[in-house]
């Protein structure tokens, strides 16, 4: 057994490498893993010790925050940043994560995400997460990916811009192509791009926001498509029905099964791909529910 002088042990503890806040999109997860790492290298460090650093009196403050039982006010964000011994950039980023987690509206969540994504060190650590959000929040990015399945597809921004309906700019086409390449959603086969059968996963903190933007964009296109395309090129079918609320889960499952069947028909179709379609199957309430009184 090797005996080290106390000052050497002290320097070892001081050199502990704690998790970087820039590696996280969930501030509660960061706090949990930061405390775990701190505790592993200094068993004497406790939740109470952390709370003393904040200058607050509640011994359960850190535990309640990590568990989600308590949110952080702007004042507590500053206190936590001080307790975590953050530099200015780290403290700002931590505040952005708190705002993202605690945003009550889509607008607030989008503004918080914009500030998070603009952080230089976030870009270095989370390039794919940022690009995943961009992919879903721009309606034409998925269209560009599917264009690569067409036999006459050309890896050219001008061609792509003209092929999309409604048309986009060559700059937008180039950005979309760069995104699908970076995310690995397309691959090069025999010298040309083809779609890859991969899943796109976005962090839960931004997934709902990205999907929200995606559906808003596509529903806007659907409204315009009624007058933009001939009836032979499009299909709209709608009904208004009254149902027991207990049947809603079953109706969702039916639409999901229909979606899967539609995908099988498309994937199994013989012949060359000539056009990209946007297919939407959905329902939504148009009356007050029983839980609303």
C-alpha atoms as a PDB file:
ATOM      1  CA  UNK A   1       0.000   0.000   0.000  1.00  0.00           C
ATOM      2  CA  UNK A   2       1.380   3.401  -0.976  1.00  0.00           C
ATOM      3  CA  UNK A   3       1.098   6.209   1.571  1.00  0.00           C
ATOM      4  CA  UNK A   4       0.884   9.706   0.161  1.00  0.00           C
ATOM      5  CA  UNK A   5       1.310  12.942   2.083  1.00  0.00           C
ATOM      6  CA  UNK A   6      -1.951  14.813   2.785  1.00  0.00           C
ATOM      7  CA  UNK A   7      -0.976  17.655   0.469  1.00  0.00           C
ATOM      8  CA  UNK A   8      -0.616  15.202  -2.432  1.00  0.00           C
ATOM      9  CA  UNK A   9      -4.052  13.743  -1.735  1.00  0.00           C
ATOM     10  CA  UNK A  10      -5.451  17.252  -1.593  1.00  0.00           C
ATOM     11  CA  UNK A  11      -3.993  18.107  -4.993  1.00  0.00           C
ATOM     12  CA  UNK A  12      -5.447  14.884  -6.441  1.00  0.00           C
ATOM     13  CA  UNK A  13      -8.916  15.801  -5.191  1.00  0.00           C
ATOM     14  CA  UNK A  14      -8.581  19.309  -6.604  1.00  0.00           C
ATOM     15  CA  UNK A  15      -7.730  17.874 -10.017  1.00  0.00           C
ATOM     16  CA  UNK A  16     -10.926  15.837 -10.280  1.00  0.00           C
ATOM     17  CA  UNK A  17     -12.417  16.184 -13.762  1.00  0.00           C
ATOM     18  CA  UNK A  18     -16.117  16.859 -13.315  1.00  0.00           C
ATOM     19  CA  UNK A  19     -18.705  16.546 -16.121  1.00  0.00           C
ATOM     20  CA  UNK A  20     -18.884  19.513 -18.483  1.00  0.00           C
ATOM     21  CA  UNK A  21     -22.238  21.282 -18.533  1.00  0.00           C
ATOM     22  CA  UNK A  22     -21.828  21.747 -22.293  1.00  0.00           C
ATOM     23  CA  UNK A  23     -22.220  17.991 -22.756  1.00  0.00           C
ATOM     24  CA  UNK A  24     -25.818  18.112 -21.489  1.00  0.00           C
ATOM     25  CA  UNK A  25     -29.233  19.260 -22.654  1.00  0.00           C
ATOM     26  CA  UNK A  26     -30.999  18.425 -19.392  1.00  0.00           C
ATOM     27  CA  UNK A  27     -29.734  20.458 -16.444  1.00  0.00           C
ATOM     28  CA  UNK A  28     -31.210  18.031 -13.903  1.00  0.00           C
ATOM     29  CA  UNK A  29     -29.289  15.123 -15.419  1.00  0.00           C
ATOM     30  CA  UNK A  30     -26.150  17.270 -15.352  1.00  0.00           C
ATOM     31  CA  UNK A  31     -26.632  18.077 -11.664  1.00  0.00           C
ATOM     32  CA  UNK A  32     -27.152  14.408 -10.821  1.00  0.00           C
ATOM     33  CA  UNK A  33     -24.018  13.286 -12.676  1.00  0.00           C
ATOM     34  CA  UNK A  34     -21.954  16.227 -11.428  1.00  0.00           C
ATOM     35  CA  UNK A  35     -22.819  15.376  -7.825  1.00  0.00           C
ATOM     36  CA  UNK A  36     -22.166  11.657  -8.433  1.00  0.00           C
ATOM     37  CA  UNK A  37     -18.701  12.432  -9.835  1.00  0.00           C
ATOM     38  CA  UNK A  38     -17.945  14.842  -6.989  1.00  0.00           C
ATOM     39  CA  UNK A  39     -19.059  12.300  -4.405  1.00  0.00           C
ATOM     40  CA  UNK A  40     -16.999   9.515  -5.997  1.00  0.00           C
ATOM     41  CA  UNK A  41     -13.799  11.502  -5.527  1.00  0.00           C
ATOM     42  CA  UNK A  42     -14.714  13.099  -2.205  1.00  0.00           C
ATOM     43  CA  UNK A  43     -16.995  10.863  -0.113  1.00  0.00           C
ATOM     44  CA  UNK A  44     -17.407  13.671   2.435  1.00  0.00           C
ATOM     45  CA  UNK A  45     -19.155  15.885  -0.097  1.00  0.00           C
ATOM     46  CA  UNK A  46     -22.903  15.815   0.527  1.00  0.00           C
ATOM     47  CA  UNK A  47     -26.125  17.421  -0.641  1.00  0.00           C
ATOM     48  CA  UNK A  48     -25.950  19.628   2.435  1.00  0.00           C
ATOM     49  CA  UNK A  49     -22.426  20.683   1.494  1.00  0.00           C
ATOM     50  CA  UNK A  50     -23.630  21.699  -1.954  1.00  0.00           C
ATOM     51  CA  UNK A  51     -26.560  23.640  -0.527  1.00  0.00           C
ATOM     52  CA  UNK A  52     -24.195  25.463   1.835  1.00  0.00           C
ATOM     53  CA  UNK A  53     -22.284  26.611  -1.233  1.00  0.00           C
ATOM     54  CA  UNK A  54     -25.479  28.171  -2.594  1.00  0.00           C
ATOM     55  CA  UNK A  55     -26.060  30.119   0.608  1.00  0.00           C
ATOM     56  CA  UNK A  56     -29.539  28.618   0.937  1.00  0.00           C
ATOM     57  CA  UNK A  57     -31.016  26.917   3.989  1.00  0.00           C
ATOM     58  CA  UNK A  58     -33.074  24.030   2.605  1.00  0.00           C
ATOM     59  CA  UNK A  59     -31.044  20.800   2.917  1.00  0.00           C
ATOM     60  CA  UNK A  60     -33.201  19.095   0.256  1.00  0.00           C
ATOM     61  CA  UNK A  61     -32.732  21.843  -2.360  1.00  0.00           C
ATOM     62  CA  UNK A  62     -30.386  19.852  -4.605  1.00  0.00           C
ATOM     63  CA  UNK A  63     -32.324  16.586  -4.205  1.00  0.00           C
ATOM     64  CA  UNK A  64     -35.644  18.259  -4.993  1.00  0.00           C
ATOM     65  CA  UNK A  65     -34.185  20.002  -8.033  1.00  0.00           C
ATOM     66  CA  UNK A  66     -32.646  16.849  -9.480  1.00  0.00           C
ATOM     67  CA  UNK A  67     -35.877  14.880  -8.955  1.00  0.00           C
ATOM     68  CA  UNK A  68     -37.987  17.569 -10.637  1.00  0.00           C
ATOM     69  CA  UNK A  69     -39.955  18.396  -7.492  1.00  0.00           C
ATOM     70  CA  UNK A  70     -38.542  21.915  -7.587  1.00  0.00           C
ATOM     71  CA  UNK A  71     -37.703  24.350 -10.375  1.00  0.00           C
ATOM     72  CA  UNK A  72     -34.964  26.965 -10.287  1.00  0.00           C
ATOM     73  CA  UNK A  73     -35.760  30.662 -10.127  1.00  0.00           C
ATOM     74  CA  UNK A  74     -33.344  33.146 -11.764  1.00  0.00           C
ATOM     75  CA  UNK A  75     -31.889  33.815  -8.310  1.00  0.00           C
ATOM     76  CA  UNK A  76     -31.374  30.102  -7.666  1.00  0.00           C
ATOM     77  CA  UNK A  77     -29.728  29.716 -11.081  1.00  0.00           C
ATOM     78  CA  UNK A  78     -27.109  32.240  -9.978  1.00  0.00           C
ATOM     79  CA  UNK A  79     -26.697  30.484  -6.628  1.00  0.00           C
ATOM     80  CA  UNK A  80     -26.259  27.088  -8.297  1.00  0.00           C
ATOM     81  CA  UNK A  81     -23.755  28.502 -10.788  1.00  0.00           C
ATOM     82  CA  UNK A  82     -21.719  29.840  -7.876  1.00  0.00           C
ATOM     83  CA  UNK A  83     -21.927  26.515  -6.041  1.00  0.00           C
ATOM     84  CA  UNK A  84     -20.789  24.691  -9.182  1.00  0.00           C
ATOM     85  CA  UNK A  85     -17.801  27.062  -9.495  1.00  0.00           C
ATOM     86  CA  UNK A  86     -18.817  27.992 -13.042  1.00  0.00           C
ATOM     87  CA  UNK A  87     -17.022  30.397 -15.336  1.00  0.00           C
ATOM     88  CA  UNK A  88     -19.203  33.049 -17.041  1.00  0.00           C
ATOM     89  CA  UNK A  89     -19.856  31.037 -20.222  1.00  0.00           C
ATOM     90  CA  UNK A  90     -20.762  27.933 -18.218  1.00  0.00           C
ATOM     91  CA  UNK A  91     -23.131  29.923 -16.019  1.00  0.00           C
ATOM     92  CA  UNK A  92     -24.892  31.421 -19.048  1.00  0.00           C
ATOM     93  CA  UNK A  93     -25.278  28.015 -20.684  1.00  0.00           C
ATOM     94  CA  UNK A  94     -26.612  26.505 -17.458  1.00  0.00           C
ATOM     95  CA  UNK A  95     -29.209  29.296 -17.338  1.00  0.00           C
ATOM     96  CA  UNK A  96     -30.216  28.553 -20.933  1.00  0.00           C
ATOM     97  CA  UNK A  97     -30.737  24.863 -20.038  1.00  0.00           C
ATOM     98  CA  UNK A  98     -32.934  25.824 -17.098  1.00  0.00           C
ATOM     99  CA  UNK A  99     -34.998  28.121 -19.334  1.00  0.00           C
ATOM    100  CA  UNK A 100     -35.354  25.339 -21.930  1.00  0.00           C
ATOM    101  CA  UNK A 101     -36.531  22.836 -19.330  1.00  0.00           C
ATOM    102  CA  UNK A 102     -38.953  25.185 -17.587  1.00  0.00           C
ATOM    103  CA  UNK A 103     -40.418  27.012 -20.610  1.00  0.00           C
ATOM    104  CA  UNK A 104     -44.207  27.048 -20.448  1.00  0.00           C
ATOM    105  CA  UNK A 105     -44.951  27.946 -24.081  1.00  0.00           C
ATOM    106  CA  UNK A 106     -43.590  26.832 -27.444  1.00  0.00           C
ATOM    107  CA  UNK A 107     -42.390  30.378 -28.076  1.00  0.00           C
ATOM    108  CA  UNK A 108     -40.393  30.471 -24.835  1.00  0.00           C
ATOM    109  CA  UNK A 109     -39.016  26.985 -25.505  1.00  0.00           C
ATOM    110  CA  UNK A 110     -37.976  27.958 -29.038  1.00  0.00           C
ATOM    111  CA  UNK A 111     -36.230  31.106 -27.798  1.00  0.00           C
ATOM    112  CA  UNK A 112     -34.400  29.120 -25.118  1.00  0.00           C
ATOM    113  CA  UNK A 113     -33.360  26.477 -27.653  1.00  0.00           C
ATOM    114  CA  UNK A 114     -32.043  29.198 -29.982  1.00  0.00           C
ATOM    115  CA  UNK A 115     -29.825  30.514 -27.192  1.00  0.00           C
ATOM    116  CA  UNK A 116     -28.627  26.989 -26.332  1.00  0.00           C
ATOM    117  CA  UNK A 117     -27.855  26.113 -29.954  1.00  0.00           C
ATOM    118  CA  UNK A 118     -25.995  29.402 -30.479  1.00  0.00           C
ATOM    119  CA  UNK A 119     -23.490  28.597 -27.742  1.00  0.00           C
ATOM    120  CA  UNK A 120     -20.120  27.861 -29.324  1.00  0.00           C
ATOM    121  CA  UNK A 121     -19.219  24.994 -27.021  1.00  0.00           C
ATOM    122  CA  UNK A 122     -22.677  23.464 -27.465  1.00  0.00           C
ATOM    123  CA  UNK A 123     -22.093  23.375 -31.228  1.00  0.00           C
ATOM    124  CA  UNK A 124     -18.855  21.498 -30.660  1.00  0.00           C
ATOM    125  CA  UNK A 125     -20.471  18.920 -28.353  1.00  0.00           C
ATOM    126  CA  UNK A 126     -23.931  18.575 -29.916  1.00  0.00           C
ATOM    127  CA  UNK A 127     -23.638  19.070 -33.663  1.00  0.00           C
ATOM    128  CA  UNK A 128     -26.022  16.218 -34.494  1.00  0.00           C
ATOM    129  CA  UNK A 129     -28.660  17.291 -31.993  1.00  0.00           C
ATOM    130  CA  UNK A 130     -28.709  20.775 -33.507  1.00  0.00           C
ATOM    131  CA  UNK A 131     -28.904  19.397 -37.020  1.00  0.00           C
ATOM    132  CA  UNK A 132     -31.646  16.959 -35.993  1.00  0.00           C
ATOM    133  CA  UNK A 133     -33.746  19.872 -34.805  1.00  0.00           C
ATOM    134  CA  UNK A 134     -33.045  21.769 -38.041  1.00  0.00           C
ATOM    135  CA  UNK A 135     -34.082  18.722 -40.086  1.00  0.00           C
ATOM    136  CA  UNK A 136     -37.513  18.455 -38.473  1.00  0.00           C
ATOM    137  CA  UNK A 137     -38.179  22.167 -38.148  1.00  0.00           C
ATOM    138  CA  UNK A 138     -37.693  22.899 -41.876  1.00  0.00           C
ATOM    139  CA  UNK A 139     -40.410  21.258 -43.962  1.00  0.00           C
ATOM    140  CA  UNK A 140     -38.237  20.967 -47.067  1.00  0.00           C
ATOM    141  CA  UNK A 141     -35.356  19.058 -45.405  1.00  0.00           C
ATOM    142  CA  UNK A 142     -37.289  15.731 -45.360  1.00  0.00           C
ATOM    143  CA  UNK A 143     -38.421  16.484 -48.937  1.00  0.00           C
ATOM    144  CA  UNK A 144     -34.820  16.851 -50.095  1.00  0.00           C
ATOM    145  CA  UNK A 145     -33.945  13.541 -48.442  1.00  0.00           C
ATOM    146  CA  UNK A 146     -36.741  11.784 -50.327  1.00  0.00           C
ATOM    147  CA  UNK A 147     -35.759  13.450 -53.597  1.00  0.00           C
ATOM    148  CA  UNK A 148     -32.575  11.373 -53.528  1.00  0.00           C
ATOM    149  CA  UNK A 149     -34.768   8.307 -54.172  1.00  0.00           C
ATOM    150  CA  UNK A 150     -35.854   9.662 -57.574  1.00  0.00           C
ATOM    151  CA  UNK A 151     -34.168   8.182 -60.629  1.00  0.00           C
ATOM    152  CA  UNK A 152     -33.461  11.608 -62.125  1.00  0.00           C
ATOM    153  CA  UNK A 153     -32.133  13.155 -58.893  1.00  0.00           C
ATOM    154  CA  UNK A 154     -29.221  15.509 -59.390  1.00  0.00           C
ATOM    155  CA  UNK A 155     -26.856  16.440 -56.606  1.00  0.00           C
ATOM    156  CA  UNK A 156     -27.122  20.082 -57.540  1.00  0.00           C
ATOM    157  CA  UNK A 157     -28.625  22.888 -55.441  1.00  0.00           C
ATOM    158  CA  UNK A 158     -30.212  24.570 -58.463  1.00  0.00           C
ATOM    159  CA  UNK A 159     -31.894  21.336 -59.568  1.00  0.00           C
ATOM    160  CA  UNK A 160     -33.096  20.543 -56.042  1.00  0.00           C
ATOM    161  CA  UNK A 161     -34.484  24.059 -55.565  1.00  0.00           C
ATOM    162  CA  UNK A 162     -36.534  23.757 -58.772  1.00  0.00           C
ATOM    163  CA  UNK A 163     -37.750  20.228 -57.933  1.00  0.00           C
ATOM    164  CA  UNK A 164     -39.264  21.129 -54.544  1.00  0.00           C
ATOM    165  CA  UNK A 165     -42.876  22.369 -54.435  1.00  0.00           C
ATOM    166  CA  UNK A 166     -43.291  25.152 -53.542  1.00  0.00           C
ATOM    167  CA  UNK A 167     -39.814  26.050 -54.863  1.00  0.00           C
ATOM    168  CA  UNK A 168     -37.041  26.906 -52.419  1.00  0.00           C
ATOM    169  CA  UNK A 169     -33.848  28.869 -52.962  1.00  0.00           C
ATOM    170  CA  UNK A 170     -30.589  27.181 -54.024  1.00  0.00           C
ATOM    171  CA  UNK A 171     -29.130  28.288 -50.684  1.00  0.00           C
ATOM    172  CA  UNK A 172     -31.904  26.489 -48.809  1.00  0.00           C
ATOM    173  CA  UNK A 173     -31.417  23.425 -50.995  1.00  0.00           C
ATOM    174  CA  UNK A 174     -27.699  23.372 -50.239  1.00  0.00           C
ATOM    175  CA  UNK A 175     -28.358  23.672 -46.497  1.00  0.00           C
ATOM    176  CA  UNK A 176     -30.873  20.823 -46.590  1.00  0.00           C
ATOM    177  CA  UNK A 177     -28.509  18.578 -48.546  1.00  0.00           C
ATOM    178  CA  UNK A 178     -25.680  19.311 -46.112  1.00  0.00           C
ATOM    179  CA  UNK A 179     -27.992  18.451 -43.201  1.00  0.00           C
ATOM    180  CA  UNK A 180     -29.140  15.063 -44.527  1.00  0.00           C
ATOM    181  CA  UNK A 181     -25.539  14.165 -45.332  1.00  0.00           C
ATOM    182  CA  UNK A 182     -24.288  15.152 -41.863  1.00  0.00           C
ATOM    183  CA  UNK A 183     -27.077  13.187 -40.182  1.00  0.00           C
ATOM    184  CA  UNK A 184     -26.367  10.087 -42.252  1.00  0.00           C
ATOM    185  CA  UNK A 185     -29.895  10.076 -43.664  1.00  0.00           C
ATOM    186  CA  UNK A 186     -28.554   9.524 -47.174  1.00  0.00           C
ATOM    187  CA  UNK A 187     -25.622   7.484 -48.462  1.00  0.00           C
ATOM    188  CA  UNK A 188     -23.621   7.281 -51.646  1.00  0.00           C
ATOM    189  CA  UNK A 189     -24.288   4.123 -53.675  1.00  0.00           C
ATOM    190  CA  UNK A 190     -22.475   3.584 -56.975  1.00  0.00           C
ATOM    191  CA  UNK A 191     -21.543   7.247 -57.061  1.00  0.00           C
ATOM    192  CA  UNK A 192     -24.984   8.725 -56.345  1.00  0.00           C
ATOM    193  CA  UNK A 193     -26.959   9.604 -53.234  1.00  0.00           C
ATOM    194  CA  UNK A 194     -29.719   7.346 -51.945  1.00  0.00           C
ATOM    195  CA  UNK A 195     -31.900   7.508 -48.796  1.00  0.00           C
ATOM    196  CA  UNK A 196     -30.791   5.369 -45.869  1.00  0.00           C
ATOM    197  CA  UNK A 197     -33.279   3.479 -43.701  1.00  0.00           C
ATOM    198  CA  UNK A 198     -32.270   5.025 -40.397  1.00  0.00           C
ATOM    199  CA  UNK A 199     -34.114   6.546 -37.456  1.00  0.00           C
ATOM    200  CA  UNK A 200     -33.639  10.179 -36.524  1.00  0.00           C
ATOM    201  CA  UNK A 201     -33.574  10.682 -32.763  1.00  0.00           C
ATOM    202  CA  UNK A 202     -33.807  14.151 -31.237  1.00  0.00           C
ATOM    203  CA  UNK A 203     -33.314  14.980 -27.554  1.00  0.00           C
ATOM    204  CA  UNK A 204     -36.547  15.002 -25.514  1.00  0.00           C
ATOM    205  CA  UNK A 205     -35.907  18.639 -24.563  1.00  0.00           C
ATOM    206  CA  UNK A 206     -36.361  19.722 -28.194  1.00  0.00           C
ATOM    207  CA  UNK A 207     -38.167  16.784 -29.767  1.00  0.00           C
ATOM    208  CA  UNK A 208     -41.654  18.114 -29.077  1.00  0.00           C
ATOM    209  CA  UNK A 209     -40.705  21.550 -30.358  1.00  0.00           C
ATOM    210  CA  UNK A 210     -39.139  20.167 -33.546  1.00  0.00           C
ATOM    211  CA  UNK A 211     -42.107  17.902 -34.280  1.00  0.00           C
ATOM    212  CA  UNK A 212     -44.466  20.802 -33.577  1.00  0.00           C
ATOM    213  CA  UNK A 213     -42.655  22.947 -36.158  1.00  0.00           C
ATOM    214  CA  UNK A 214     -42.638  20.065 -38.648  1.00  0.00           C
ATOM    215  CA  UNK A 215     -46.394  19.517 -38.472  1.00  0.00           C
ATOM    216  CA  UNK A 216     -47.143  23.235 -38.578  1.00  0.00           C
ATOM    217  CA  UNK A 217     -45.075  23.602 -41.732  1.00  0.00           C
ATOM    218  CA  UNK A 218     -46.619  20.598 -43.447  1.00  0.00           C
ATOM    219  CA  UNK A 219     -50.188  21.560 -42.518  1.00  0.00           C
ATOM    220  CA  UNK A 220     -49.547  24.988 -43.988  1.00  0.00           C
ATOM    221  CA  UNK A 221     -48.465  23.338 -47.242  1.00  0.00           C
ATOM    222  CA  UNK A 222     -51.592  21.157 -47.172  1.00  0.00           C
ATOM    223  CA  UNK A 223     -53.814  24.244 -47.081  1.00  0.00           C
ATOM    224  CA  UNK A 224     -51.995  25.736 -50.069  1.00  0.00           C
ATOM    225  CA  UNK A 225     -52.045  22.410 -51.955  1.00  0.00           C
ATOM    226  CA  UNK A 226     -55.841  22.531 -52.242  1.00  0.00           C
ATOM    227  CA  UNK A 227     -55.549  25.299 -54.814  1.00  0.00           C
ATOM    228  CA  UNK A 228     -51.992  24.663 -56.065  1.00  0.00           C
ATOM    229  CA  UNK A 229     -52.539  21.159 -57.484  1.00  0.00           C
ATOM    230  CA  UNK A 230     -55.157  19.534 -59.689  1.00  0.00           C
ATOM    231  CA  UNK A 231     -57.499  17.084 -57.996  1.00  0.00           C
ATOM    232  CA  UNK A 232     -55.830  14.263 -59.945  1.00  0.00           C
ATOM    233  CA  UNK A 233     -52.537  15.066 -58.166  1.00  0.00           C
ATOM    234  CA  UNK A 234     -53.821  15.289 -54.609  1.00  0.00           C
ATOM    235  CA  UNK A 235     -56.331  13.637 -52.301  1.00  0.00           C
ATOM    236  CA  UNK A 236     -58.227  15.140 -49.388  1.00  0.00           C
ATOM    237  CA  UNK A 237     -60.759  13.236 -47.323  1.00  0.00           C
ATOM    238  CA  UNK A 238     -62.362  14.440 -44.110  1.00  0.00           C
ATOM    239  CA  UNK A 239     -65.238  13.621 -41.784  1.00  0.00           C
ATOM    240  CA  UNK A 240     -66.711  15.049 -38.611  1.00  0.00           C
ATOM    241  CA  UNK A 241     -67.880  12.411 -36.131  1.00  0.00           C
ATOM    242  CA  UNK A 242     -68.910  12.116 -32.486  1.00  0.00           C
ATOM    243  CA  UNK A 243     -67.171   9.339 -30.527  1.00  0.00           C
ATOM    244  CA  UNK A 244     -66.778   8.118 -26.937  1.00  0.00           C
ATOM    245  CA  UNK A 245     -63.482   9.418 -25.560  1.00  0.00           C
ATOM    246  CA  UNK A 246     -62.642   5.858 -24.539  1.00  0.00           C
ATOM    247  CA  UNK A 247     -62.307   4.985 -28.250  1.00  0.00           C
ATOM    248  CA  UNK A 248     -59.631   7.604 -28.969  1.00  0.00           C
ATOM    249  CA  UNK A 249     -56.662   5.280 -28.205  1.00  0.00           C
ATOM    250  CA  UNK A 250     -58.122   2.653 -30.545  1.00  0.00           C
ATOM    251  CA  UNK A 251     -58.578   5.235 -33.302  1.00  0.00           C
ATOM    252  CA  UNK A 252     -54.931   6.254 -32.894  1.00  0.00           C
ATOM    253  CA  UNK A 253     -53.843   2.636 -33.271  1.00  0.00           C
ATOM    254  CA  UNK A 254     -55.929   2.317 -36.438  1.00  0.00           C
ATOM    255  CA  UNK A 255     -54.244   5.358 -37.985  1.00  0.00           C
ATOM    256  CA  UNK A 256     -50.809   4.038 -36.984  1.00  0.00           C
ATOM    257  CA  UNK A 257     -51.605   0.706 -38.637  1.00  0.00           C
ATOM    258  CA  UNK A 258     -52.808   2.537 -41.728  1.00  0.00           C
ATOM    259  CA  UNK A 259     -49.581   4.534 -41.806  1.00  0.00           C
ATOM    260  CA  UNK A 260     -47.543   1.335 -41.650  1.00  0.00           C
ATOM    261  CA  UNK A 261     -49.597  -0.202 -44.462  1.00  0.00           C
ATOM    262  CA  UNK A 262     -49.137   2.907 -46.579  1.00  0.00           C
ATOM    263  CA  UNK A 263     -45.365   2.772 -46.063  1.00  0.00           C
ATOM    264  CA  UNK A 264     -45.315  -0.882 -47.098  1.00  0.00           C
ATOM    265  CA  UNK A 265     -47.205  -0.019 -50.294  1.00  0.00           C
ATOM    266  CA  UNK A 266     -44.738   2.758 -51.095  1.00  0.00           C
ATOM    267  CA  UNK A 267     -41.611   0.763 -50.249  1.00  0.00           C
ATOM    268  CA  UNK A 268     -42.815  -2.259 -52.201  1.00  0.00           C
ATOM    269  CA  UNK A 269     -43.912  -0.371 -55.296  1.00  0.00           C
ATOM    270  CA  UNK A 270     -42.218  -1.534 -58.499  1.00  0.00           C
ATOM    271  CA  UNK A 271     -40.826   0.908 -61.006  1.00  0.00           C
ATOM    272  CA  UNK A 272     -38.716   4.025 -60.685  1.00  0.00           C
ATOM    273  CA  UNK A 273     -39.490   6.760 -58.173  1.00  0.00           C
ATOM    274  CA  UNK A 274     -40.734   9.874 -59.966  1.00  0.00           C
ATOM    275  CA  UNK A 275     -42.312  12.091 -57.329  1.00  0.00           C
ATOM    276  CA  UNK A 276     -42.231  12.834 -53.589  1.00  0.00           C
ATOM    277  CA  UNK A 277     -45.557  12.914 -51.713  1.00  0.00           C
ATOM    278  CA  UNK A 278     -46.416  14.251 -48.277  1.00  0.00           C
ATOM    279  CA  UNK A 279     -48.962  11.955 -46.602  1.00  0.00           C
ATOM    280  CA  UNK A 280     -50.766  13.039 -43.431  1.00  0.00           C
ATOM    281  CA  UNK A 281     -53.213  10.998 -41.376  1.00  0.00           C
ATOM    282  CA  UNK A 282     -54.590  12.805 -38.374  1.00  0.00           C
ATOM    283  CA  UNK A 283     -57.596  13.716 -36.286  1.00  0.00           C
ATOM    284  CA  UNK A 284     -58.161  16.432 -33.693  1.00  0.00           C
ATOM    285  CA  UNK A 285     -60.988  17.667 -31.424  1.00  0.00           C
ATOM    286  CA  UNK A 286     -63.448  20.289 -32.671  1.00  0.00           C
ATOM    287  CA  UNK A 287     -65.565  20.316 -29.502  1.00  0.00           C
ATOM    288  CA  UNK A 288     -65.096  20.583 -25.764  1.00  0.00           C
ATOM    289  CA  UNK A 289     -64.163  17.372 -23.963  1.00  0.00           C
ATOM    290  CA  UNK A 290     -65.875  15.892 -20.912  1.00  0.00           C
ATOM    291  CA  UNK A 291     -62.896  16.713 -18.686  1.00  0.00           C
ATOM    292  CA  UNK A 292     -63.405  20.418 -19.503  1.00  0.00           C
ATOM    293  CA  UNK A 293     -66.865  20.409 -17.921  1.00  0.00           C
END
